[in-house]
Structures are given as C-alpha cells and as structure tokens.
Amino acid sequence: MITELRLQQECFVWHWNNYPKQRGLFFRIKNEGTNRISGAIDKASGVVAGVSDSCLLLPDGRGVIFVEFKLDKGKQSESQRNWKNTLADHSYQYYIIRSLTEFKELCKKHGL
C-alpha cells in the first residue's frame, strides 16, 4: 500500500527526472519535529502548523504553488485547512494531490 510520503517521493522523482532545468524548484517543506524538544525548537524558529508538504516554484517567476499530498481517502487536518485558507486570502495557489497522474496534470496545467 502506498503512503503519502511515498506518493510525494514519486512526484519529486518524476519532476526531477522530467524537468532537469527546474531542479531545486520543487521541494519538500520539512514541518514535523522528531520529538518534543525538536518540535518546540521548530515552533520557536518559525515552523507553522498545517503548512503544505511541498512547494513548486514556477520557472521565470511565474508563481508559487503549494502542494499537499493525500491518499484517496485522506482528509486535511484543521491546521491544514487553516493554512489553505490563509494562502487563499493572499491569492496563493494550493492543490491537494492524490496520485502521480494528478501531479503530472498539475505540471502540464502550469506549462512545465
């Protein structure tokens, strides 16, 4: 069975291999502590609850897309919904991706 992390890895590798000139523009946002101490340090240094899994910077300064990976039945947490709403309030793009096919379509939609 695929996990959200595995889906994220598949999308990253696909993007890396298919868009070599854009390497570094699609990246994971590390947003989870490994224990209570590192979590407290992360929070004190700017980690925000609910931030999306990844960020895709469009080439030539065309924009920023935030990507959340969920499996078919996966649901956003309250903090993830709040993050999505914050982004919408500031006109940023946010997508929930549930498959490699959806990620490929997202890339195509944005002219990659």
PDB file of N, CA and C in Angstrom:
ATOM      1  N   MET A   1       0.842  -1.196   0.000  1.00  0.00           N
ATOM      2  CA  MET A   1       0.000   0.000   0.000  1.00  0.00           C
ATOM      3  C   MET A   1       0.881   1.252   0.000  1.00  0.00           C
ATOM      4  N   ILE A   2       0.521   2.211  -0.815  1.00  0.00           N
ATOM      5  CA  ILE A   2       1.294   3.447  -0.911  1.00  0.00           C
ATOM      6  C   ILE A   2       0.977   4.360   0.273  1.00  0.00           C
ATOM      7  N   THR A   3       1.967   5.097   0.716  1.00  0.00           N
ATOM      8  CA  THR A   3       1.787   6.077   1.784  1.00  0.00           C
ATOM      9  C   THR A   3       1.851   7.477   1.173  1.00  0.00           C
ATOM     10  N   GLU A   4       1.452   8.471   1.948  1.00  0.00           N
ATOM     11  CA  GLU A   4       1.544   9.848   1.465  1.00  0.00           C
ATOM     12  C   GLU A   4       2.999  10.209   1.173  1.00  0.00           C
ATOM     13  N   LEU A   5       3.907   9.766   2.031  1.00  0.00           N
ATOM     14  CA  LEU A   5       5.321  10.060   1.804  1.00  0.00           C
ATOM     15  C   LEU A   5       5.808   9.411   0.515  1.00  0.00           C
ATOM     16  N   ARG A   6       5.380   8.192   0.252  1.00  0.00           N
ATOM     17  CA  ARG A   6       5.781   7.510  -0.981  1.00  0.00           C
ATOM     18  C   ARG A   6       5.232   8.240  -2.213  1.00  0.00           C
ATOM     19  N   LEU A   7       3.990   8.709  -2.137  1.00  0.00           N
ATOM     20  CA  LEU A   7       3.410   9.488  -3.228  1.00  0.00           C
ATOM     21  C   LEU A   7       4.227  10.756  -3.461  1.00  0.00           C
ATOM     22  N   GLN A   8       4.581  11.427  -2.392  1.00  0.00           N
ATOM     23  CA  GLN A   8       5.387  12.632  -2.500  1.00  0.00           C
ATOM     24  C   GLN A   8       6.740  12.322  -3.143  1.00  0.00           C
ATOM     25  N   GLN A   9       7.348  11.212  -2.762  1.00  0.00           N
ATOM     26  CA  GLN A   9       8.630  10.809  -3.341  1.00  0.00           C
ATOM     27  C   GLN A   9       8.489  10.536  -4.838  1.00  0.00           C
ATOM     28  N   GLU A  10       7.437   9.836  -5.222  1.00  0.00           N
ATOM     29  CA  GLU A  10       7.220   9.537  -6.644  1.00  0.00           C
ATOM     30  C   GLU A  10       7.083  10.821  -7.462  1.00  0.00           C
ATOM     31  N   CYS A  11       6.349  11.779  -6.924  1.00  0.00           N
ATOM     32  CA  CYS A  11       6.155  13.041  -7.639  1.00  0.00           C
ATOM     33  C   CYS A  11       7.464  13.816  -7.723  1.00  0.00           C
ATOM     34  N   PHE A  12       8.219  13.820  -6.630  1.00  0.00           N
ATOM     35  CA  PHE A  12       9.506  14.515  -6.649  1.00  0.00           C
ATOM     36  C   PHE A  12      10.441  13.897  -7.680  1.00  0.00           C
ATOM     37  N   VAL A  13      10.584  12.584  -7.664  1.00  0.00           N
ATOM     38  CA  VAL A  13      11.492  11.908  -8.600  1.00  0.00           C
ATOM     39  C   VAL A  13      11.039  12.132 -10.041  1.00  0.00           C
ATOM     40  N   TRP A  14       9.729  12.054 -10.288  1.00  0.00           N
ATOM     41  CA  TRP A  14       9.218  12.281 -11.635  1.00  0.00           C
ATOM     42  C   TRP A  14       9.568  13.696 -12.102  1.00  0.00           C
ATOM     43  N   HIS A  15       9.317  14.687 -11.240  1.00  0.00           N
ATOM     44  CA  HIS A  15       9.636  16.076 -11.593  1.00  0.00           C
ATOM     45  C   HIS A  15      11.144  16.226 -11.821  1.00  0.00           C
ATOM     46  N   TRP A  16      11.967  15.689 -10.953  1.00  0.00           N
ATOM     47  CA  TRP A  16      13.426  15.774 -11.049  1.00  0.00           C
ATOM     48  C   TRP A  16      13.912  15.205 -12.383  1.00  0.00           C
ATOM     49  N   ASN A  17      13.358  14.058 -12.762  1.00  0.00           N
ATOM     50  CA  ASN A  17      13.803  13.387 -13.984  1.00  0.00           C
ATOM     51  C   ASN A  17      13.259  14.018 -15.264  1.00  0.00           C
ATOM     52  N   ASN A  18      12.084  14.623 -15.186  1.00  0.00           N
ATOM     53  CA  ASN A  18      11.456  15.169 -16.387  1.00  0.00           C
ATOM     54  C   ASN A  18      11.711  16.656 -16.609  1.00  0.00           C
ATOM     55  N   TYR A  19      12.147  17.352 -15.600  1.00  0.00           N
ATOM     56  CA  TYR A  19      12.407  18.782 -15.699  1.00  0.00           C
ATOM     57  C   TYR A  19      13.775  19.116 -15.103  1.00  0.00           C
ATOM     58  N   PRO A  20      14.847  18.608 -15.707  1.00  0.00           N
ATOM     59  CA  PRO A  20      16.178  18.807 -15.121  1.00  0.00           C
ATOM     60  C   PRO A  20      16.569  20.282 -14.967  1.00  0.00           C
ATOM     61  N   LYS A  21      16.073  21.153 -15.830  1.00  0.00           N
ATOM     62  CA  LYS A  21      16.402  22.579 -15.712  1.00  0.00           C
ATOM     63  C   LYS A  21      15.671  23.242 -14.553  1.00  0.00           C
ATOM     64  N   GLN A  22      14.687  22.537 -13.975  1.00  0.00           N
ATOM     65  CA  GLN A  22      13.914  23.097 -12.860  1.00  0.00           C
ATOM     66  C   GLN A  22      14.256  22.440 -11.527  1.00  0.00           C
ATOM     67  N   ARG A  23      15.341  21.679 -11.510  1.00  0.00           N
ATOM     68  CA  ARG A  23      15.731  21.020 -10.260  1.00  0.00           C
ATOM     69  C   ARG A  23      15.972  22.072  -9.177  1.00  0.00           C
ATOM     70  N   GLY A  24      15.415  21.802  -8.025  1.00  0.00           N
ATOM     71  CA  GLY A  24      15.501  22.734  -6.908  1.00  0.00           C
ATOM     72  C   GLY A  24      14.282  23.631  -6.783  1.00  0.00           C
ATOM     73  N   LEU A  25      13.440  23.658  -7.823  1.00  0.00           N
ATOM     74  CA  LEU A  25      12.240  24.495  -7.767  1.00  0.00           C
ATOM     75  C   LEU A  25      11.041  23.764  -7.166  1.00  0.00           C
ATOM     76  N   PHE A  26      11.136  22.444  -7.046  1.00  0.00           N
ATOM     77  CA  PHE A  26      10.089  21.664  -6.374  1.00  0.00           C
ATOM     78  C   PHE A  26      10.757  21.000  -5.181  1.00  0.00           C
ATOM     79  N   PHE A  27      10.270  21.298  -3.993  1.00  0.00           N
ATOM     80  CA  PHE A  27      10.946  20.806  -2.802  1.00  0.00           C
ATOM     81  C   PHE A  27       9.964  20.536  -1.671  1.00  0.00           C
ATOM     82  N   ARG A  28      10.417  19.693  -0.780  1.00  0.00           N
ATOM     83  CA  ARG A  28       9.645  19.324   0.406  1.00  0.00           C
ATOM     84  C   ARG A  28       9.825  20.394   1.468  1.00  0.00           C
ATOM     85  N   ILE A  29       8.754  20.663   2.198  1.00  0.00           N
ATOM     86  CA  ILE A  29       8.803  21.562   3.346  1.00  0.00           C
ATOM     87  C   ILE A  29       8.801  20.680   4.588  1.00  0.00           C
ATOM     88  N   LYS A  30       9.928  20.628   5.277  1.00  0.00           N
ATOM     89  CA  LYS A  30      10.009  19.806   6.483  1.00  0.00           C
ATOM     90  C   LYS A  30       9.288  20.536   7.600  1.00  0.00           C
ATOM     91  N   ASN A  31       8.229  19.923   8.080  1.00  0.00           N
ATOM     92  CA  ASN A  31       7.359  20.624   9.020  1.00  0.00           C
ATOM     93  C   ASN A  31       6.947  19.756  10.198  1.00  0.00           C
ATOM     94  N   GLU A  32       7.790  18.796  10.546  1.00  0.00           N
ATOM     95  CA  GLU A  32       7.443  17.966  11.692  1.00  0.00           C
ATOM     96  C   GLU A  32       8.688  17.690  12.526  1.00  0.00           C
ATOM     97  N   GLY A  33       8.543  17.842  13.815  1.00  0.00           N
ATOM     98  CA  GLY A  33       9.647  17.550  14.721  1.00  0.00           C
ATOM     99  C   GLY A  33       9.749  16.059  14.976  1.00  0.00           C
ATOM    100  N   THR A  34      10.924  15.637  15.382  1.00  0.00           N
ATOM    101  CA  THR A  34      11.115  14.219  15.670  1.00  0.00           C
ATOM    102  C   THR A  34      10.807  13.893  17.125  1.00  0.00           C
ATOM    103  N   ASN A  35      10.779  14.906  17.974  1.00  0.00           N
ATOM    104  CA  ASN A  35      10.420  14.715  19.380  1.00  0.00           C
ATOM    105  C   ASN A  35       9.944  16.057  19.943  1.00  0.00           C
ATOM    106  N   ARG A  36       9.578  16.071  21.211  1.00  0.00           N
ATOM    107  CA  ARG A  36       9.013  17.292  21.797  1.00  0.00           C
ATOM    108  C   ARG A  36      10.007  18.448  21.795  1.00  0.00           C
ATOM    109  N   ILE A  37      11.261  18.151  22.046  1.00  0.00           N
ATOM    110  CA  ILE A  37      12.271  19.215  22.097  1.00  0.00           C
ATOM    111  C   ILE A  37      12.484  19.813  20.709  1.00  0.00           C
ATOM    112  N   SER A  38      12.690  18.952  19.708  1.00  0.00           N
ATOM    113  CA  SER A  38      12.899  19.494  18.358  1.00  0.00           C
ATOM    114  C   SER A  38      11.634  20.186  17.858  1.00  0.00           C
ATOM    115  N   GLY A  39      10.461  19.680  18.254  1.00  0.00           N
ATOM    116  CA  GLY A  39       9.214  20.336  17.885  1.00  0.00           C
ATOM    117  C   GLY A  39       9.112  21.732  18.476  1.00  0.00           C
ATOM    118  N   ALA A  40       9.530  21.889  19.730  1.00  0.00           N
ATOM    119  CA  ALA A  40       9.497  23.202  20.374  1.00  0.00           C
ATOM    120  C   ALA A  40      10.492  24.153  19.711  1.00  0.00           C
ATOM    121  N   ILE A  41      11.659  23.632  19.364  1.00  0.00           N
ATOM    122  CA  ILE A  41      12.663  24.459  18.672  1.00  0.00           C
ATOM    123  C   ILE A  41      12.126  24.875  17.305  1.00  0.00           C
ATOM    124  N   ASP A  42      11.527  23.934  16.579  1.00  0.00           N
ATOM    125  CA  ASP A  42      10.961  24.251  15.267  1.00  0.00           C
ATOM    126  C   ASP A  42       9.910  25.356  15.372  1.00  0.00           C
ATOM    127  N   LYS A  43       9.011  25.206  16.337  1.00  0.00           N
ATOM    128  CA  LYS A  43       7.935  26.184  16.505  1.00  0.00           C
ATOM    129  C   LYS A  43       8.502  27.564  16.830  1.00  0.00           C
ATOM    130  N   ALA A  44       9.504  27.605  17.694  1.00  0.00           N
ATOM    131  CA  ALA A  44      10.113  28.876  18.081  1.00  0.00           C
ATOM    132  C   ALA A  44      10.901  29.512  16.942  1.00  0.00           C
ATOM    133  N   SER A  45      11.268  28.715  15.946  1.00  0.00           N
ATOM    134  CA  SER A  45      12.059  29.265  14.834  1.00  0.00           C
ATOM    135  C   SER A  45      11.247  29.443  13.554  1.00  0.00           C
ATOM    136  N   GLY A  46       9.920  29.318  13.652  1.00  0.00           N
ATOM    137  CA  GLY A  46       9.085  29.681  12.521  1.00  0.00           C
ATOM    138  C   GLY A  46       8.292  28.586  11.846  1.00  0.00           C
ATOM    139  N   VAL A  47       8.372  27.355  12.321  1.00  0.00           N
ATOM    140  CA  VAL A  47       7.552  26.300  11.726  1.00  0.00           C
ATOM    141  C   VAL A  47       6.091  26.591  12.059  1.00  0.00           C
ATOM    142  N   VAL A  48       5.234  26.506  11.057  1.00  0.00           N
ATOM    143  CA  VAL A  48       3.818  26.821  11.215  1.00  0.00           C
ATOM    144  C   VAL A  48       3.005  25.552  11.012  1.00  0.00           C
ATOM    145  N   ALA A  49       2.109  25.270  11.926  1.00  0.00           N
ATOM    146  CA  ALA A  49       1.264  24.077  11.836  1.00  0.00           C
ATOM    147  C   ALA A  49       0.421  24.122  10.577  1.00  0.00           C
ATOM    148  N   GLY A  50       0.330  22.970   9.900  1.00  0.00           N
ATOM    149  CA  GLY A  50      -0.548  22.851   8.746  1.00  0.00           C
ATOM    150  C   GLY A  50       0.063  23.223   7.415  1.00  0.00           C
ATOM    151  N   VAL A  51       1.301  23.719   7.410  1.00  0.00           N
ATOM    152  CA  VAL A  51       1.939  24.116   6.156  1.00  0.00           C
ATOM    153  C   VAL A  51       1.989  22.923   5.213  1.00  0.00           C
ATOM    154  N   SER A  52       1.830  23.183   3.936  1.00  0.00           N
ATOM    155  CA  SER A  52       1.766  22.111   2.942  1.00  0.00           C
ATOM    156  C   SER A  52       3.064  21.306   2.887  1.00  0.00           C
ATOM    157  N   ASP A  53       2.948  20.123   2.268  1.00  0.00           N
ATOM    158  CA  ASP A  53       4.072  19.195   2.189  1.00  0.00           C
ATOM    159  C   ASP A  53       5.195  19.699   1.304  1.00  0.00           C
ATOM    160  N   SER A  54       4.836  20.344   0.195  1.00  0.00           N
ATOM    161  CA  SER A  54       5.830  20.747  -0.794  1.00  0.00           C
ATOM    162  C   SER A  54       5.490  22.101  -1.391  1.00  0.00           C
ATOM    163  N   CYS A  55       6.498  22.648  -2.061  1.00  0.00           N
ATOM    164  CA  CYS A  55       6.341  23.918  -2.747  1.00  0.00           C
ATOM    165  C   CYS A  55       6.916  23.757  -4.149  1.00  0.00           C
ATOM    166  N   LEU A  56       6.203  24.265  -5.132  1.00  0.00           N
ATOM    167  CA  LEU A  56       6.650  24.250  -6.518  1.00  0.00           C
ATOM    168  C   LEU A  56       6.766  25.700  -6.986  1.00  0.00           C
ATOM    169  N   LEU A  57       7.997  26.129  -7.249  1.00  0.00           N
ATOM    170  CA  LEU A  57       8.240  27.465  -7.770  1.00  0.00           C
ATOM    171  C   LEU A  57       8.187  27.380  -9.284  1.00  0.00           C
ATOM    172  N   LEU A  58       7.306  28.127  -9.882  1.00  0.00           N
ATOM    173  CA  LEU A  58       7.181  28.094 -11.333  1.00  0.00           C
ATOM    174  C   LEU A  58       8.345  28.861 -11.963  1.00  0.00           C
ATOM    175  N   PRO A  59       8.865  28.348 -13.068  1.00  0.00           N
ATOM    176  CA  PRO A  59      10.009  28.996 -13.715  1.00  0.00           C
ATOM    177  C   PRO A  59       9.697  30.428 -14.141  1.00  0.00           C
ATOM    178  N   ASP A  60      10.744  31.201 -14.273  1.00  0.00           N
ATOM    179  CA  ASP A  60      10.652  32.588 -14.747  1.00  0.00           C
ATOM    180  C   ASP A  60       9.785  33.464 -13.842  1.00  0.00           C
ATOM    181  N   GLY A  61       9.710  33.108 -12.563  1.00  0.00           N
ATOM    182  CA  GLY A  61       8.976  33.922 -11.610  1.00  0.00           C
ATOM    183  C   GLY A  61       7.480  33.962 -11.835  1.00  0.00           C
ATOM    184  N   ARG A  62       6.939  32.901 -12.467  1.00  0.00           N
ATOM    185  CA  ARG A  62       5.510  32.892 -12.816  1.00  0.00           C
ATOM    186  C   ARG A  62       4.592  32.577 -11.641  1.00  0.00           C
ATOM    187  N   GLY A  63       5.141  32.246 -10.498  1.00  0.00           N
ATOM    188  CA  GLY A  63       4.284  31.996  -9.353  1.00  0.00           C
ATOM    189  C   GLY A  63       4.804  30.905  -8.446  1.00  0.00           C
ATOM    190  N   VAL A  64       4.024  30.667  -7.414  1.00  0.00           N
ATOM    191  CA  VAL A  64       4.337  29.675  -6.394  1.00  0.00           C
ATOM    192  C   VAL A  64       3.106  28.811  -6.183  1.00  0.00           C
ATOM    193  N   ILE A  65       3.323  27.501  -6.131  1.00  0.00           N
ATOM    194  CA  ILE A  65       2.235  26.563  -5.870  1.00  0.00           C
ATOM    195  C   ILE A  65       2.594  25.756  -4.625  1.00  0.00           C
ATOM    196  N   PHE A  66       1.650  25.674  -3.704  1.00  0.00           N
ATOM    197  CA  PHE A  66       1.825  24.842  -2.520  1.00  0.00           C
ATOM    198  C   PHE A  66       1.058  23.543  -2.740  1.00  0.00           C
ATOM    199  N   VAL A  67       1.691  22.419  -2.412  1.00  0.00           N
ATOM    200  CA  VAL A  67       1.140  21.103  -2.695  1.00  0.00           C
ATOM    201  C   VAL A  67       1.025  20.290  -1.408  1.00  0.00           C
ATOM    202  N   GLU A  68      -0.163  19.769  -1.173  1.00  0.00           N
ATOM    203  CA  GLU A  68      -0.419  18.848  -0.065  1.00  0.00           C
ATOM    204  C   GLU A  68      -0.693  17.476  -0.663  1.00  0.00           C
ATOM    205  N   PHE A  69      -0.032  16.451  -0.167  1.00  0.00           N
ATOM    206  CA  PHE A  69      -0.232  15.088  -0.647  1.00  0.00           C
ATOM    207  C   PHE A  69      -1.164  14.347   0.295  1.00  0.00           C
ATOM    208  N   LYS A  70      -2.193  13.746  -0.279  1.00  0.00           N
ATOM    209  CA  LYS A  70      -3.149  12.939   0.480  1.00  0.00           C
ATOM    210  C   LYS A  70      -3.473  11.692  -0.324  1.00  0.00           C
ATOM    211  N   LEU A  71      -3.726  10.612   0.360  1.00  0.00           N
ATOM    212  CA  LEU A  71      -4.193   9.405  -0.304  1.00  0.00           C
ATOM    213  C   LEU A  71      -5.665   9.569  -0.629  1.00  0.00           C
ATOM    214  N   ASP A  72      -6.241   8.618  -1.340  1.00  0.00           N
ATOM    215  CA  ASP A  72      -7.626   8.736  -1.815  1.00  0.00           C
ATOM    216  C   ASP A  72      -8.605   9.179  -0.746  1.00  0.00           C
ATOM    217  N   LYS A  73      -8.507   8.599   0.437  1.00  0.00           N
ATOM    218  CA  LYS A  73      -9.476   8.919   1.482  1.00  0.00           C
ATOM    219  C   LYS A  73      -8.907   9.852   2.540  1.00  0.00           C
ATOM    220  N   GLY A  74      -7.702  10.340   2.318  1.00  0.00           N
ATOM    221  CA  GLY A  74      -7.067  11.226   3.287  1.00  0.00           C
ATOM    222  C   GLY A  74      -7.778  12.569   3.380  1.00  0.00           C
ATOM    223  N   LYS A  75      -7.851  13.099   4.581  1.00  0.00           N
ATOM    224  CA  LYS A  75      -8.506  14.380   4.819  1.00  0.00           C
ATOM    225  C   LYS A  75      -7.521  15.351   5.458  1.00  0.00           C
ATOM    226  N   GLN A  76      -7.734  16.616   5.203  1.00  0.00           N
ATOM    227  CA  GLN A  76      -6.902  17.641   5.804  1.00  0.00           C
ATOM    228  C   GLN A  76      -7.229  17.788   7.289  1.00  0.00           C
ATOM    229  N   SER A  77      -6.200  18.088   8.068  1.00  0.00           N
ATOM    230  CA  SER A  77      -6.412  18.420   9.468  1.00  0.00           C
ATOM    231  C   SER A  77      -6.942  19.855   9.544  1.00  0.00           C
ATOM    232  N   GLU A  78      -7.392  20.247  10.698  1.00  0.00           N
ATOM    233  CA  GLU A  78      -7.877  21.617  10.874  1.00  0.00           C
ATOM    234  C   GLU A  78      -6.770  22.626  10.580  1.00  0.00           C
ATOM    235  N   SER A  79      -5.551  22.342  11.042  1.00  0.00           N
ATOM    236  CA  SER A  79      -4.456  23.283  10.787  1.00  0.00           C
ATOM    237  C   SER A  79      -4.123  23.352   9.299  1.00  0.00           C
ATOM    238  N   GLN A  80      -4.271  22.251   8.566  1.00  0.00           N
ATOM    239  CA  GLN A  80      -4.048  22.270   7.113  1.00  0.00           C
ATOM    240  C   GLN A  80      -5.126  23.084   6.403  1.00  0.00           C
ATOM    241  N   ARG A  81      -6.365  22.957   6.856  1.00  0.00           N
ATOM    242  CA  ARG A  81      -7.443  23.766   6.269  1.00  0.00           C
ATOM    243  C   ARG A  81      -7.206  25.254   6.553  1.00  0.00           C
ATOM    244  N   ASN A  82      -6.741  25.569   7.755  1.00  0.00           N
ATOM    245  CA  ASN A  82      -6.448  26.962   8.097  1.00  0.00           C
ATOM    246  C   ASN A  82      -5.330  27.515   7.213  1.00  0.00           C
ATOM    247  N   TRP A  83      -4.295  26.702   6.972  1.00  0.00           N
ATOM    248  CA  TRP A  83      -3.179  27.115   6.102  1.00  0.00           C
ATOM    249  C   TRP A  83      -3.698  27.377   4.679  1.00  0.00           C
ATOM    250  N   LYS A  84      -4.521  26.448   4.184  1.00  0.00           N
ATOM    251  CA  LYS A  84      -5.093  26.615   2.845  1.00  0.00           C
ATOM    252  C   LYS A  84      -5.877  27.928   2.763  1.00  0.00           C
ATOM    253  N   ASN A  85      -6.659  28.224   3.771  1.00  0.00           N
ATOM    254  CA  ASN A  85      -7.449  29.459   3.787  1.00  0.00           C
ATOM    255  C   ASN A  85      -6.554  30.697   3.855  1.00  0.00           C
ATOM    256  N   THR A  86      -5.477  30.623   4.621  1.00  0.00           N
ATOM    257  CA  THR A  86      -4.521  31.732   4.686  1.00  0.00           C
ATOM    258  C   THR A  86      -3.930  31.995   3.313  1.00  0.00           C
ATOM    259  N   LEU A  87      -3.543  30.920   2.619  1.00  0.00           N
ATOM    260  CA  LEU A  87      -2.992  31.081   1.273  1.00  0.00           C
ATOM    261  C   LEU A  87      -4.018  31.693   0.328  1.00  0.00           C
ATOM    262  N   ALA A  88      -5.252  31.212   0.402  1.00  0.00           N
ATOM    263  CA  ALA A  88      -6.306  31.744  -0.464  1.00  0.00           C
ATOM    264  C   ALA A  88      -6.537  33.233  -0.192  1.00  0.00           C
ATOM    265  N   ASP A  89      -6.477  33.621   1.074  1.00  0.00           N
ATOM    266  CA  ASP A  89      -6.656  35.032   1.434  1.00  0.00           C
ATOM    267  C   ASP A  89      -5.596  35.924   0.796  1.00  0.00           C
ATOM    268  N   HIS A  90      -4.440  35.341   0.457  1.00  0.00           N
ATOM    269  CA  HIS A  90      -3.333  36.108  -0.117  1.00  0.00           C
ATOM    270  C   HIS A  90      -3.058  35.723  -1.573  1.00  0.00           C
ATOM    271  N   SER A  91      -4.027  35.051  -2.173  1.00  0.00           N
ATOM    272  CA  SER A  91      -4.008  34.704  -3.610  1.00  0.00           C
ATOM    273  C   SER A  91      -2.892  33.744  -4.016  1.00  0.00           C
ATOM    274  N   TYR A  92      -2.474  32.859  -3.102  1.00  0.00           N
ATOM    275  CA  TYR A  92      -1.521  31.814  -3.466  1.00  0.00           C
ATOM    276  C   TYR A  92      -2.285  30.572  -3.920  1.00  0.00           C
ATOM    277  N   GLN A  93      -1.639  29.783  -4.754  1.00  0.00           N
ATOM    278  CA  GLN A  93      -2.243  28.553  -5.266  1.00  0.00           C
ATOM    279  C   GLN A  93      -1.915  27.381  -4.344  1.00  0.00           C
ATOM    280  N   TYR A  94      -2.915  26.545  -4.115  1.00  0.00           N
ATOM    281  CA  TYR A  94      -2.784  25.393  -3.226  1.00  0.00           C
ATOM    282  C   TYR A  94      -3.535  24.226  -3.855  1.00  0.00           C
ATOM    283  N   TYR A  95      -2.877  23.086  -3.931  1.00  0.00           N
ATOM    284  CA  TYR A  95      -3.501  21.902  -4.518  1.00  0.00           C
ATOM    285  C   TYR A  95      -3.316  20.709  -3.591  1.00  0.00           C
ATOM    286  N   ILE A  96      -4.333  19.877  -3.551  1.00  0.00           N
ATOM    287  CA  ILE A  96      -4.214  18.567  -2.904  1.00  0.00           C
ATOM    288  C   ILE A  96      -4.001  17.563  -4.024  1.00  0.00           C
ATOM    289  N   ILE A  97      -2.921  16.820  -3.936  1.00  0.00           N
ATOM    290  CA  ILE A  97      -2.556  15.836  -4.949  1.00  0.00           C
ATOM    291  C   ILE A  97      -2.718  14.447  -4.353  1.00  0.00           C
ATOM    292  N   ARG A  98      -3.443  13.579  -5.087  1.00  0.00           N
ATOM    293  CA  ARG A  98      -3.730  12.230  -4.600  1.00  0.00           C
ATOM    294  C   ARG A  98      -3.099  11.126  -5.448  1.00  0.00           C
ATOM    295  N   SER A  99      -2.405  11.501  -6.518  1.00  0.00           N
ATOM    296  CA  SER A  99      -1.764  10.498  -7.374  1.00  0.00           C
ATOM    297  C   SER A  99      -0.685  11.159  -8.218  1.00  0.00           C
ATOM    298  N   LEU A 100       0.208  10.344  -8.740  1.00  0.00           N
ATOM    299  CA  LEU A 100       1.228  10.847  -9.653  1.00  0.00           C
ATOM    300  C   LEU A 100       0.571  11.438 -10.896  1.00  0.00           C
ATOM    301  N   THR A 101      -0.494  10.822 -11.359  1.00  0.00           N
ATOM    302  CA  THR A 101      -1.208  11.333 -12.527  1.00  0.00           C
ATOM    303  C   THR A 101      -1.716  12.755 -12.269  1.00  0.00           C
ATOM    304  N   GLU A 102      -2.285  13.000 -11.103  1.00  0.00           N
ATOM    305  CA  GLU A 102      -2.765  14.348 -10.767  1.00  0.00           C
ATOM    306  C   GLU A 102      -1.604  15.340 -10.745  1.00  0.00           C
ATOM    307  N   PHE A 103      -0.454  14.901 -10.228  1.00  0.00           N
ATOM    308  CA  PHE A 103       0.698  15.790 -10.188  1.00  0.00           C
ATOM    309  C   PHE A 103       1.179  16.120 -11.600  1.00  0.00           C
ATOM    310  N   LYS A 104       1.207  15.123 -12.464  1.00  0.00           N
ATOM    311  CA  LYS A 104       1.596  15.360 -13.860  1.00  0.00           C
ATOM    312  C   LYS A 104       0.641  16.358 -14.518  1.00  0.00           C
ATOM    313  N   GLU A 105      -0.655  16.221 -14.244  1.00  0.00           N
ATOM    314  CA  GLU A 105      -1.655  17.143 -14.800  1.00  0.00           C
ATOM    315  C   GLU A 105      -1.449  18.561 -14.270  1.00  0.00           C
ATOM    316  N   LEU A 106      -1.093  18.679 -13.003  1.00  0.00           N
ATOM    317  CA  LEU A 106      -0.810  19.985 -12.415  1.00  0.00           C
ATOM    318  C   LEU A 106       0.377  20.644 -13.133  1.00  0.00           C
ATOM    319  N   CYS A 107       1.427  19.877 -13.356  1.00  0.00           N
ATOM    320  CA  CYS A 107       2.590  20.405 -14.072  1.00  0.00           C
ATOM    321  C   CYS A 107       2.216  20.848 -15.474  1.00  0.00           C
ATOM    322  N   LYS A 108       1.434  20.032 -16.156  1.00  0.00           N
ATOM    323  CA  LYS A 108       1.000  20.367 -17.518  1.00  0.00           C
ATOM    324  C   LYS A 108       0.135  21.640 -17.504  1.00  0.00           C
ATOM    325  N   LYS A 109      -0.781  21.729 -16.557  1.00  0.00           N
ATOM    326  CA  LYS A 109      -1.673  22.889 -16.445  1.00  0.00           C
ATOM    327  C   LYS A 109      -0.892  24.186 -16.318  1.00  0.00           C
ATOM    328  N   HIS A 110       0.257  24.112 -15.655  1.00  0.00           N
ATOM    329  CA  HIS A 110       1.060  25.317 -15.415  1.00  0.00           C
ATOM    330  C   HIS A 110       2.224  25.456 -16.394  1.00  0.00           C
ATOM    331  N   GLY A 111       2.128  24.716 -17.498  1.00  0.00           N
ATOM    332  CA  GLY A 111       3.071  24.899 -18.592  1.00  0.00           C
ATOM    333  C   GLY A 111       4.489  24.457 -18.328  1.00  0.00           C
ATOM    334  N   LEU A 112       4.643  23.446 -17.492  1.00  0.00           N
ATOM    335  CA  LEU A 112       6.003  22.932 -17.248  1.00  0.00           C
ATOM    336  C   LEU A 112       6.410  21.965 -18.335  1.00  0.00           C
TER     337      LEU A 112
END
